All heavy atoms as atom14 arrays in JSON, in Angstrom:
{
  "sequence": "LTQIPPTVTLTAQGAPCSFKQLGLYRDIYYTNYSGSNTKRGTEGL",
  "atom14_mask": [
    [1, 1, 1, 1, 1, 1, 1, 1, 0, 0, 0, 0, 0, 0],
    [1, 1, 1, 1, 1, 1, 1, 0, 0, 0, 0, 0, 0, 0],
    [1, 1, 1, 1, 1, 1, 1, 1, 1, 0, 0, 0, 0, 0],
    [1, 1, 1, 1, 1, 1, 1, 1, 0, 0, 0, 0, 0, 0],
    [1, 1, 1, 1, 1, 1, 1, 0, 0, 0, 0, 0, 0, 0],
    [1, 1, 1, 1, 1, 1, 1, 0, 0, 0, 0, 0, 0, 0],
    [1, 1, 1, 1, 1, 1, 1, 0, 0, 0, 0, 0, 0, 0],
    [1, 1, 1, 1, 1, 1, 1, 0, 0, 0, 0, 0, 0, 0],
    [1, 1, 1, 1, 1, 1, 1, 0, 0, 0, 0, 0, 0, 0],
    [1, 1, 1, 1, 1, 1, 1, 1, 0, 0, 0, 0, 0, 0],
    [1, 1, 1, 1, 1, 1, 1, 0, 0, 0, 0, 0, 0, 0],
    [1, 1, 1, 1, 1, 0, 0, 0, 0, 0, 0, 0, 0, 0],
    [1, 1, 1, 1, 1, 1, 1, 1, 1, 0, 0, 0, 0, 0],
    [1, 1, 1, 1, 0, 0, 0, 0, 0, 0, 0, 0, 0, 0],
    [1, 1, 1, 1, 1, 0, 0, 0, 0, 0, 0, 0, 0, 0],
    [1, 1, 1, 1, 1, 1, 1, 0, 0, 0, 0, 0, 0, 0],
    [1, 1, 1, 1, 1, 1, 0, 0, 0, 0, 0, 0, 0, 0],
    [1, 1, 1, 1, 1, 1, 0, 0, 0, 0, 0, 0, 0, 0],
    [1, 1, 1, 1, 1, 1, 1, 1, 1, 1, 1, 0, 0, 0],
    [1, 1, 1, 1, 1, 1, 1, 1, 1, 0, 0, 0, 0, 0],
    [1, 1, 1, 1, 1, 1, 1, 1, 1, 0, 0, 0, 0, 0],
    [1, 1, 1, 1, 1, 1, 1, 1, 0, 0, 0, 0, 0, 0],
    [1, 1, 1, 1, 0, 0, 0, 0, 0, 0, 0, 0, 0, 0],
    [1, 1, 1, 1, 1, 1, 1, 1, 0, 0, 0, 0, 0, 0],
    [1, 1, 1, 1, 1, 1, 1, 1, 1, 1, 1, 1, 0, 0],
    [1, 1, 1, 1, 1, 1, 1, 1, 1, 1, 1, 0, 0, 0],
    [1, 1, 1, 1, 1, 1, 1, 1, 0, 0, 0, 0, 0, 0],
    [1, 1, 1, 1, 1, 1, 1, 1, 0, 0, 0, 0, 0, 0],
    [1, 1, 1, 1, 1, 1, 1, 1, 1, 1, 1, 1, 0, 0],
    [1, 1, 1, 1, 1, 1, 1, 1, 1, 1, 1, 1, 0, 0],
    [1, 1, 1, 1, 1, 1, 1, 0, 0, 0, 0, 0, 0, 0],
    [1, 1, 1, 1, 1, 1, 1, 1, 0, 0, 0, 0, 0, 0],
    [1, 1, 1, 1, 1, 1, 1, 1, 1, 1, 1, 1, 0, 0],
    [1, 1, 1, 1, 1, 1, 0, 0, 0, 0, 0, 0, 0, 0],
    [1, 1, 1, 1, 0, 0, 0, 0, 0, 0, 0, 0, 0, 0],
    [1, 1, 1, 1, 1, 1, 0, 0, 0, 0, 0, 0, 0, 0],
    [1, 1, 1, 1, 1, 1, 1, 1, 0, 0, 0, 0, 0, 0],
    [1, 1, 1, 1, 1, 1, 1, 0, 0, 0, 0, 0, 0, 0],
    [1, 1, 1, 1, 1, 1, 1, 1, 1, 0, 0, 0, 0, 0],
    [1, 1, 1, 1, 1, 1, 1, 1, 1, 1, 1, 0, 0, 0],
    [1, 1, 1, 1, 0, 0, 0, 0, 0, 0, 0, 0, 0, 0],
    [1, 1, 1, 1, 1, 1, 1, 0, 0, 0, 0, 0, 0, 0],
    [1, 1, 1, 1, 1, 1, 1, 1, 1, 0, 0, 0, 0, 0],
    [1, 1, 1, 1, 0, 0, 0, 0, 0, 0, 0, 0, 0, 0],
    [1, 1, 1, 1, 1, 1, 1, 1, 0, 0, 0, 0, 0, 0]
  ],
  "atom14_positions": [
    [[119.9, 4.44, 155.71], [119.22, 3.11, 155.78], [117.89, 3.15, 156.5], [117.3, 2.1, 156.68], [120.18, 2.1, 156.42], [121.55, 1.89, 155.69], [122.38, 0.88, 156.42], [121.31, 1.5, 154.23], [0.0, 0.0, 0.0], [0.0, 0.0, 0.0], [0.0, 0.0, 0.0], [0.0, 0.0, 0.0], [0.0, 0.0, 0.0], [0.0, 0.0, 0.0]],
    [[117.46, 4.32, 156.88], [116.2, 4.43, 157.66], [115.21, 5.26, 156.82], [115.51, 6.36, 156.43], [116.45, 5.16, 159.0], [117.42, 4.38, 159.74], [115.13, 5.2, 159.75], [0.0, 0.0, 0.0], [0.0, 0.0, 0.0], [0.0, 0.0, 0.0], [0.0, 0.0, 0.0], [0.0, 0.0, 0.0], [0.0, 0.0, 0.0], [0.0, 0.0, 0.0]],
    [[114.08, 4.67, 156.54], [113.02, 5.37, 155.77], [111.92, 5.78, 156.72], [111.15, 4.92, 157.23], [112.52, 4.44, 154.72], [113.51, 4.07, 153.65], [113.78, 5.24, 152.69], [112.86, 5.88, 152.17], [115.03, 5.55, 152.48], [0.0, 0.0, 0.0], [0.0, 0.0, 0.0], [0.0, 0.0, 0.0], [0.0, 0.0, 0.0], [0.0, 0.0, 0.0]],
    [[111.76, 7.1, 156.95], [110.69, 7.58, 157.84], [109.72, 8.41, 156.98], [110.14, 9.45, 156.42], [111.29, 8.51, 158.92], [112.35, 7.74, 159.73], [110.18, 9.05, 159.83], [113.07, 8.61, 160.76], [0.0, 0.0, 0.0], [0.0, 0.0, 0.0], [0.0, 0.0, 0.0], [0.0, 0.0, 0.0], [0.0, 0.0, 0.0], [0.0, 0.0, 0.0]],
    [[108.54, 7.96, 156.82], [107.54, 8.68, 155.98], [107.29, 10.1, 156.56], [107.21, 10.29, 157.78], [106.28, 7.8, 156.05], [106.76, 6.47, 156.54], [107.93, 6.71, 157.41], [0.0, 0.0, 0.0], [0.0, 0.0, 0.0], [0.0, 0.0, 0.0], [0.0, 0.0, 0.0], [0.0, 0.0, 0.0], [0.0, 0.0, 0.0], [0.0, 0.0, 0.0]],
    [[107.13, 11.07, 155.66], [106.78, 12.38, 156.1], [105.4, 12.46, 156.71], [104.59, 11.54, 156.52], [106.84, 13.24, 154.84], [107.64, 12.41, 153.86], [107.3, 11.0, 154.2], [0.0, 0.0, 0.0], [0.0, 0.0, 0.0], [0.0, 0.0, 0.0], [0.0, 0.0, 0.0], [0.0, 0.0, 0.0], [0.0, 0.0, 0.0], [0.0, 0.0, 0.0]],
    [[105.08, 13.5, 157.43], [103.75, 13.76, 157.96], [103.17, 15.01, 157.34], [103.93, 15.97, 157.05], [103.78, 13.92, 159.5], [104.65, 14.94, 159.85], [104.19, 12.63, 160.18], [0.0, 0.0, 0.0], [0.0, 0.0, 0.0], [0.0, 0.0, 0.0], [0.0, 0.0, 0.0], [0.0, 0.0, 0.0], [0.0, 0.0, 0.0], [0.0, 0.0, 0.0]],
    [[101.86, 15.03, 157.2], [101.16, 16.2, 156.6], [99.86, 16.42, 157.39], [99.05, 15.48, 157.5], [100.8, 15.95, 155.11], [100.08, 17.11, 154.54], [102.02, 15.6, 154.29], [0.0, 0.0, 0.0], [0.0, 0.0, 0.0], [0.0, 0.0, 0.0], [0.0, 0.0, 0.0], [0.0, 0.0, 0.0], [0.0, 0.0, 0.0], [0.0, 0.0, 0.0]],
    [[99.77, 17.62, 158.04], [98.57, 17.89, 158.77], [98.12, 19.39, 158.51], [98.93, 20.19, 158.12], [98.71, 17.78, 160.31], [99.58, 18.76, 160.81], [99.26, 16.41, 160.64], [0.0, 0.0, 0.0], [0.0, 0.0, 0.0], [0.0, 0.0, 0.0], [0.0, 0.0, 0.0], [0.0, 0.0, 0.0], [0.0, 0.0, 0.0], [0.0, 0.0, 0.0]],
    [[96.85, 19.62, 158.67], [96.27, 20.94, 158.44], [95.36, 21.26, 159.61], [94.41, 20.43, 159.95], [95.46, 20.99, 157.15], [94.74, 22.31, 156.8], [95.69, 23.44, 156.7], [93.97, 22.17, 155.5], [0.0, 0.0, 0.0], [0.0, 0.0, 0.0], [0.0, 0.0, 0.0], [0.0, 0.0, 0.0], [0.0, 0.0, 0.0], [0.0, 0.0, 0.0]],
    [[95.53, 22.33, 160.38], [94.82, 22.69, 161.53], [94.18, 24.02, 161.38], [94.84, 25.01, 160.92], [95.72, 22.69, 162.81], [96.36, 21.4, 162.91], [94.97, 23.03, 164.05], [0.0, 0.0, 0.0], [0.0, 0.0, 0.0], [0.0, 0.0, 0.0], [0.0, 0.0, 0.0], [0.0, 0.0, 0.0], [0.0, 0.0, 0.0], [0.0, 0.0, 0.0]],
    [[92.9, 24.16, 161.84], [92.21, 25.48, 161.79], [91.69, 25.76, 163.17], [91.32, 24.81, 163.98], [91.1, 25.41, 160.77], [0.0, 0.0, 0.0], [0.0, 0.0, 0.0], [0.0, 0.0, 0.0], [0.0, 0.0, 0.0], [0.0, 0.0, 0.0], [0.0, 0.0, 0.0], [0.0, 0.0, 0.0], [0.0, 0.0, 0.0], [0.0, 0.0, 0.0]],
    [[91.54, 27.05, 163.5], [91.05, 27.46, 164.83], [90.38, 28.87, 164.61], [90.83, 29.67, 163.77], [92.14, 27.58, 165.82], [91.71, 27.93, 167.2], [92.91, 27.89, 168.2], [94.08, 27.68, 167.83], [92.65, 28.26, 169.48], [0.0, 0.0, 0.0], [0.0, 0.0, 0.0], [0.0, 0.0, 0.0], [0.0, 0.0, 0.0], [0.0, 0.0, 0.0]],
    [[89.38, 29.13, 165.49], [88.72, 30.43, 165.4], [87.53, 30.46, 164.5], [86.64, 29.57, 164.54], [0.0, 0.0, 0.0], [0.0, 0.0, 0.0], [0.0, 0.0, 0.0], [0.0, 0.0, 0.0], [0.0, 0.0, 0.0], [0.0, 0.0, 0.0], [0.0, 0.0, 0.0], [0.0, 0.0, 0.0], [0.0, 0.0, 0.0], [0.0, 0.0, 0.0]],
    [[87.45, 31.44, 163.6], [86.26, 31.67, 162.77], [86.16, 30.67, 161.68], [87.21, 30.03, 161.23], [86.39, 33.07, 162.14], [0.0, 0.0, 0.0], [0.0, 0.0, 0.0], [0.0, 0.0, 0.0], [0.0, 0.0, 0.0], [0.0, 0.0, 0.0], [0.0, 0.0, 0.0], [0.0, 0.0, 0.0], [0.0, 0.0, 0.0], [0.0, 0.0, 0.0]],
    [[84.95, 30.45, 161.12], [84.78, 29.42, 160.05], [85.52, 29.82, 158.76], [85.77, 31.05, 158.55], [83.27, 29.46, 159.87], [82.7, 30.03, 161.11], [83.69, 31.05, 161.59], [0.0, 0.0, 0.0], [0.0, 0.0, 0.0], [0.0, 0.0, 0.0], [0.0, 0.0, 0.0], [0.0, 0.0, 0.0], [0.0, 0.0, 0.0], [0.0, 0.0, 0.0]],
    [[85.89, 28.83, 157.99], [86.56, 29.08, 156.67], [86.4, 27.77, 155.88], [86.03, 26.72, 156.32], [88.03, 29.42, 156.92], [88.98, 28.18, 157.76], [0.0, 0.0, 0.0], [0.0, 0.0, 0.0], [0.0, 0.0, 0.0], [0.0, 0.0, 0.0], [0.0, 0.0, 0.0], [0.0, 0.0, 0.0], [0.0, 0.0, 0.0], [0.0, 0.0, 0.0]],
    [[86.75, 27.98, 154.57], [86.71, 26.84, 153.66], [88.08, 26.65, 152.95], [88.74, 27.68, 152.7], [85.64, 27.03, 152.58], [84.34, 27.11, 153.16], [0.0, 0.0, 0.0], [0.0, 0.0, 0.0], [0.0, 0.0, 0.0], [0.0, 0.0, 0.0], [0.0, 0.0, 0.0], [0.0, 0.0, 0.0], [0.0, 0.0, 0.0], [0.0, 0.0, 0.0]],
    [[88.4, 25.43, 152.6], [89.64, 25.14, 151.95], [89.34, 24.49, 150.64], [88.65, 23.44, 150.56], [90.56, 24.18, 152.8], [91.0, 24.82, 154.07], [90.16, 24.78, 155.22], [92.25, 25.43, 154.22], [90.63, 25.35, 156.41], [92.63, 25.97, 155.4], [91.83, 25.93, 156.54], [0.0, 0.0, 0.0], [0.0, 0.0, 0.0], [0.0, 0.0, 0.0]],
    [[89.82, 25.04, 149.56], [89.55, 24.58, 148.18], [90.87, 24.33, 147.44], [91.9, 24.78, 147.8], [88.7, 25.61, 147.38], [87.36, 26.0, 148.06], [86.64, 27.0, 147.25], [85.29, 27.42, 147.9], [84.61, 28.42, 147.09], [0.0, 0.0, 0.0], [0.0, 0.0, 0.0], [0.0, 0.0, 0.0], [0.0, 0.0, 0.0], [0.0, 0.0, 0.0]],
    [[90.68, 23.58, 146.29], [91.78, 23.34, 145.4], [93.05, 22.83, 146.15], [94.16, 23.17, 145.9], [92.15, 24.57, 144.61], [91.02, 25.11, 143.8], [91.32, 26.48, 143.17], [92.48, 26.81, 142.95], [90.31, 27.24, 142.93], [0.0, 0.0, 0.0], [0.0, 0.0, 0.0], [0.0, 0.0, 0.0], [0.0, 0.0, 0.0], [0.0, 0.0, 0.0]],
    [[92.82, 21.93, 147.12], [93.92, 21.46, 147.95], [94.68, 20.36, 147.19], [94.11, 19.47, 146.6], [93.32, 20.85, 149.24], [94.39, 20.49, 150.36], [93.8, 20.73, 151.69], [94.74, 19.03, 150.16], [0.0, 0.0, 0.0], [0.0, 0.0, 0.0], [0.0, 0.0, 0.0], [0.0, 0.0, 0.0], [0.0, 0.0, 0.0], [0.0, 0.0, 0.0]],
    [[96.05, 20.43, 147.24], [96.9, 19.53, 146.55], [98.12, 19.31, 147.31], [98.7, 20.19, 147.92], [0.0, 0.0, 0.0], [0.0, 0.0, 0.0], [0.0, 0.0, 0.0], [0.0, 0.0, 0.0], [0.0, 0.0, 0.0], [0.0, 0.0, 0.0], [0.0, 0.0, 0.0], [0.0, 0.0, 0.0], [0.0, 0.0, 0.0], [0.0, 0.0, 0.0]],
    [[98.64, 18.11, 147.18], [99.95, 17.71, 147.75], [100.87, 17.35, 146.6], [100.55, 16.58, 145.73], [99.79, 16.5, 148.74], [101.06, 16.08, 149.5], [101.5, 17.12, 150.46], [100.8, 14.76, 150.2], [0.0, 0.0, 0.0], [0.0, 0.0, 0.0], [0.0, 0.0, 0.0], [0.0, 0.0, 0.0], [0.0, 0.0, 0.0], [0.0, 0.0, 0.0]],
    [[102.1, 17.91, 146.63], [103.11, 17.74, 145.59], [104.42, 17.23, 146.17], [104.77, 17.52, 147.27], [103.35, 19.05, 144.86], [102.1, 19.74, 144.27], [101.13, 20.38, 145.03], [101.84, 19.66, 142.9], [100.05, 21.02, 144.53], [100.73, 20.22, 142.33], [99.85, 20.87, 143.15], [98.77, 21.49, 142.64], [0.0, 0.0, 0.0], [0.0, 0.0, 0.0]],
    [[105.1, 16.51, 145.34], [106.46, 16.05, 145.73], [107.47, 16.66, 144.76], [107.2, 16.92, 143.52], [106.6, 14.56, 145.75], [106.55, 13.87, 144.4], [107.01, 12.43, 144.51], [107.01, 11.7, 143.3], [107.98, 11.59, 142.37], [109.05, 12.36, 142.49], [107.85, 10.87, 141.26], [0.0, 0.0, 0.0], [0.0, 0.0, 0.0], [0.0, 0.0, 0.0]],
    [[108.73, 16.79, 145.19], [109.81, 17.3, 144.32], [110.35, 16.18, 143.44], [110.16, 14.99, 143.7], [110.89, 17.91, 145.24], [111.93, 18.66, 144.44], [111.63, 19.01, 143.31], [113.02, 18.9, 144.98], [0.0, 0.0, 0.0], [0.0, 0.0, 0.0], [0.0, 0.0, 0.0], [0.0, 0.0, 0.0], [0.0, 0.0, 0.0], [0.0, 0.0, 0.0]],
    [[111.01, 16.55, 142.4], [111.72, 15.58, 141.57], [112.77, 14.92, 142.44], [113.33, 15.49, 143.39], [112.44, 16.24, 140.36], [113.03, 15.26, 139.4], [113.45, 17.27, 140.83], [113.5, 15.85, 138.12], [0.0, 0.0, 0.0], [0.0, 0.0, 0.0], [0.0, 0.0, 0.0], [0.0, 0.0, 0.0], [0.0, 0.0, 0.0], [0.0, 0.0, 0.0]],
    [[112.96, 13.6, 142.15], [113.93, 12.76, 142.99], [114.91, 12.09, 142.01], [114.49, 11.28, 141.29], [113.12, 11.81, 143.76], [113.97, 11.1, 144.83], [113.98, 11.49, 146.2], [114.65, 9.92, 144.51], [114.71, 10.81, 147.13], [115.37, 9.24, 145.47], [115.41, 9.68, 146.76], [116.17, 8.98, 147.7], [0.0, 0.0, 0.0], [0.0, 0.0, 0.0]],
    [[116.16, 12.45, 142.11], [117.19, 11.77, 141.29], [117.6, 10.54, 142.06], [118.43, 10.55, 142.92], [118.35, 12.7, 141.06], [118.0, 13.9, 140.17], [117.9, 15.17, 140.62], [117.78, 13.7, 138.79], [117.55, 16.23, 139.85], [117.41, 14.74, 137.96], [117.36, 16.0, 138.48], [116.96, 17.06, 137.67], [0.0, 0.0, 0.0], [0.0, 0.0, 0.0]],
    [[116.97, 9.42, 141.68], [117.16, 8.18, 142.44], [118.49, 7.57, 142.21], [119.08, 7.65, 141.19], [116.05, 7.19, 142.06], [116.27, 5.98, 142.78], [116.03, 6.86, 140.57], [0.0, 0.0, 0.0], [0.0, 0.0, 0.0], [0.0, 0.0, 0.0], [0.0, 0.0, 0.0], [0.0, 0.0, 0.0], [0.0, 0.0, 0.0], [0.0, 0.0, 0.0]],
    [[118.98, 6.93, 143.28], [120.19, 6.07, 143.2], [119.85, 4.68, 142.68], [120.74, 3.87, 142.46], [120.88, 6.04, 144.54], [121.47, 7.39, 144.94], [121.81, 8.17, 144.15], [121.55, 7.63, 146.22], [0.0, 0.0, 0.0], [0.0, 0.0, 0.0], [0.0, 0.0, 0.0], [0.0, 0.0, 0.0], [0.0, 0.0, 0.0], [0.0, 0.0, 0.0]],
    [[118.58, 4.34, 142.65], [118.16, 2.99, 142.36], [118.48, 2.69, 140.87], [118.13, 3.49, 140.02], [116.67, 2.79, 142.62], [116.18, 1.38, 142.17], [116.31, 0.35, 142.96], [115.66, 1.21, 140.88], [115.87, -0.9, 142.54], [115.23, 0.02, 140.48], [115.41, -1.11, 141.32], [114.96, -2.33, 140.9], [0.0, 0.0, 0.0], [0.0, 0.0, 0.0]],
    [[119.05, 1.51, 140.65], [119.27, 1.1, 139.25], [119.65, -0.36, 139.3], [120.3, -0.81, 140.3], [120.39, 1.97, 138.59], [120.69, 1.4, 137.34], [0.0, 0.0, 0.0], [0.0, 0.0, 0.0], [0.0, 0.0, 0.0], [0.0, 0.0, 0.0], [0.0, 0.0, 0.0], [0.0, 0.0, 0.0], [0.0, 0.0, 0.0], [0.0, 0.0, 0.0]],
    [[119.31, -1.08, 138.24], [119.76, -2.47, 138.18], [121.21, -2.61, 137.75], [121.81, -3.64, 137.76], [0.0, 0.0, 0.0], [0.0, 0.0, 0.0], [0.0, 0.0, 0.0], [0.0, 0.0, 0.0], [0.0, 0.0, 0.0], [0.0, 0.0, 0.0], [0.0, 0.0, 0.0], [0.0, 0.0, 0.0], [0.0, 0.0, 0.0], [0.0, 0.0, 0.0]],
    [[121.8, -1.44, 137.35], [123.19, -1.46, 136.9], [124.15, -1.3, 138.06], [123.82, -0.68, 139.11], [123.44, -0.28, 135.94], [124.79, -0.09, 135.7], [0.0, 0.0, 0.0], [0.0, 0.0, 0.0], [0.0, 0.0, 0.0], [0.0, 0.0, 0.0], [0.0, 0.0, 0.0], [0.0, 0.0, 0.0], [0.0, 0.0, 0.0], [0.0, 0.0, 0.0]],
    [[125.33, -1.81, 138.0], [126.35, -1.69, 139.05], [126.98, -0.29, 138.97], [127.64, 0.16, 139.94], [127.44, -2.73, 138.92], [126.89, -4.11, 139.23], [126.03, -4.3, 140.05], [127.41, -5.17, 138.55], [0.0, 0.0, 0.0], [0.0, 0.0, 0.0], [0.0, 0.0, 0.0], [0.0, 0.0, 0.0], [0.0, 0.0, 0.0], [0.0, 0.0, 0.0]],
    [[126.82, 0.42, 137.84], [127.37, 1.72, 137.7], [126.41, 2.74, 138.21], [125.28, 2.88, 137.75], [127.64, 1.99, 136.27], [128.51, 0.98, 135.74], [128.35, 3.39, 136.06], [0.0, 0.0, 0.0], [0.0, 0.0, 0.0], [0.0, 0.0, 0.0], [0.0, 0.0, 0.0], [0.0, 0.0, 0.0], [0.0, 0.0, 0.0], [0.0, 0.0, 0.0]],
    [[126.78, 3.51, 139.25], [125.96, 4.56, 139.84], [126.79, 5.76, 140.06], [126.96, 6.26, 141.16], [125.32, 4.09, 141.18], [124.44, 2.87, 141.0], [123.88, 2.39, 142.32], [123.12, 1.09, 142.18], [122.6, 0.6, 143.49], [0.0, 0.0, 0.0], [0.0, 0.0, 0.0], [0.0, 0.0, 0.0], [0.0, 0.0, 0.0], [0.0, 0.0, 0.0]],
    [[127.4, 6.27, 139.01], [128.37, 7.39, 139.04], [127.68, 8.6, 139.61], [126.63, 9.03, 139.27], [128.88, 7.62, 137.64], [129.98, 8.53, 137.48], [130.44, 8.57, 136.01], [130.75, 7.2, 135.5], [129.92, 6.55, 134.73], [128.79, 7.01, 134.35], [130.33, 5.34, 134.3], [0.0, 0.0, 0.0], [0.0, 0.0, 0.0], [0.0, 0.0, 0.0]],
    [[128.4, 9.24, 140.6], [127.89, 10.5, 141.15], [126.8, 10.34, 142.15], [126.28, 11.31, 142.69], [0.0, 0.0, 0.0], [0.0, 0.0, 0.0], [0.0, 0.0, 0.0], [0.0, 0.0, 0.0], [0.0, 0.0, 0.0], [0.0, 0.0, 0.0], [0.0, 0.0, 0.0], [0.0, 0.0, 0.0], [0.0, 0.0, 0.0], [0.0, 0.0, 0.0]],
    [[126.47, 9.09, 142.51], [125.38, 8.87, 143.46], [126.0, 8.78, 144.83], [127.16, 8.92, 145.09], [124.63, 7.59, 143.07], [125.52, 6.47, 143.05], [123.94, 7.72, 141.74], [0.0, 0.0, 0.0], [0.0, 0.0, 0.0], [0.0, 0.0, 0.0], [0.0, 0.0, 0.0], [0.0, 0.0, 0.0], [0.0, 0.0, 0.0], [0.0, 0.0, 0.0]],
    [[125.09, 8.55, 145.88], [125.49, 8.6, 147.23], [126.68, 7.7, 147.57], [126.65, 6.49, 147.32], [124.34, 8.26, 148.13], [124.54, 8.64, 149.6], [123.2, 8.67, 150.37], [122.1, 8.66, 149.7], [123.23, 8.68, 151.57], [0.0, 0.0, 0.0], [0.0, 0.0, 0.0], [0.0, 0.0, 0.0], [0.0, 0.0, 0.0], [0.0, 0.0, 0.0]],
    [[127.73, 8.34, 148.07], [128.95, 7.53, 148.42], [129.89, 7.38, 147.29], [131.0, 6.8, 147.46], [0.0, 0.0, 0.0], [0.0, 0.0, 0.0], [0.0, 0.0, 0.0], [0.0, 0.0, 0.0], [0.0, 0.0, 0.0], [0.0, 0.0, 0.0], [0.0, 0.0, 0.0], [0.0, 0.0, 0.0], [0.0, 0.0, 0.0], [0.0, 0.0, 0.0]],
    [[129.49, 7.83, 146.08], [130.36, 7.71, 144.85], [130.43, 9.09, 144.18], [130.02, 9.22, 143.01], [129.78, 6.67, 143.9], [129.76, 5.27, 144.41], [128.98, 4.35, 143.43], [131.14, 4.71, 144.62], [0.0, 0.0, 0.0], [0.0, 0.0, 0.0], [0.0, 0.0, 0.0], [0.0, 0.0, 0.0], [0.0, 0.0, 0.0], [0.0, 0.0, 0.0]]
  ]
}
């Protein structure tokens, strides 16, 4: 029942450098959300 957003940071130190083609991706999420009362195999069921 607690939703804590993830954090994302990038830190550099020392000699100069460049960062290219940077992307953030999420995994597939098999949601329990549905307007139906039937949620077979979902959390707690």
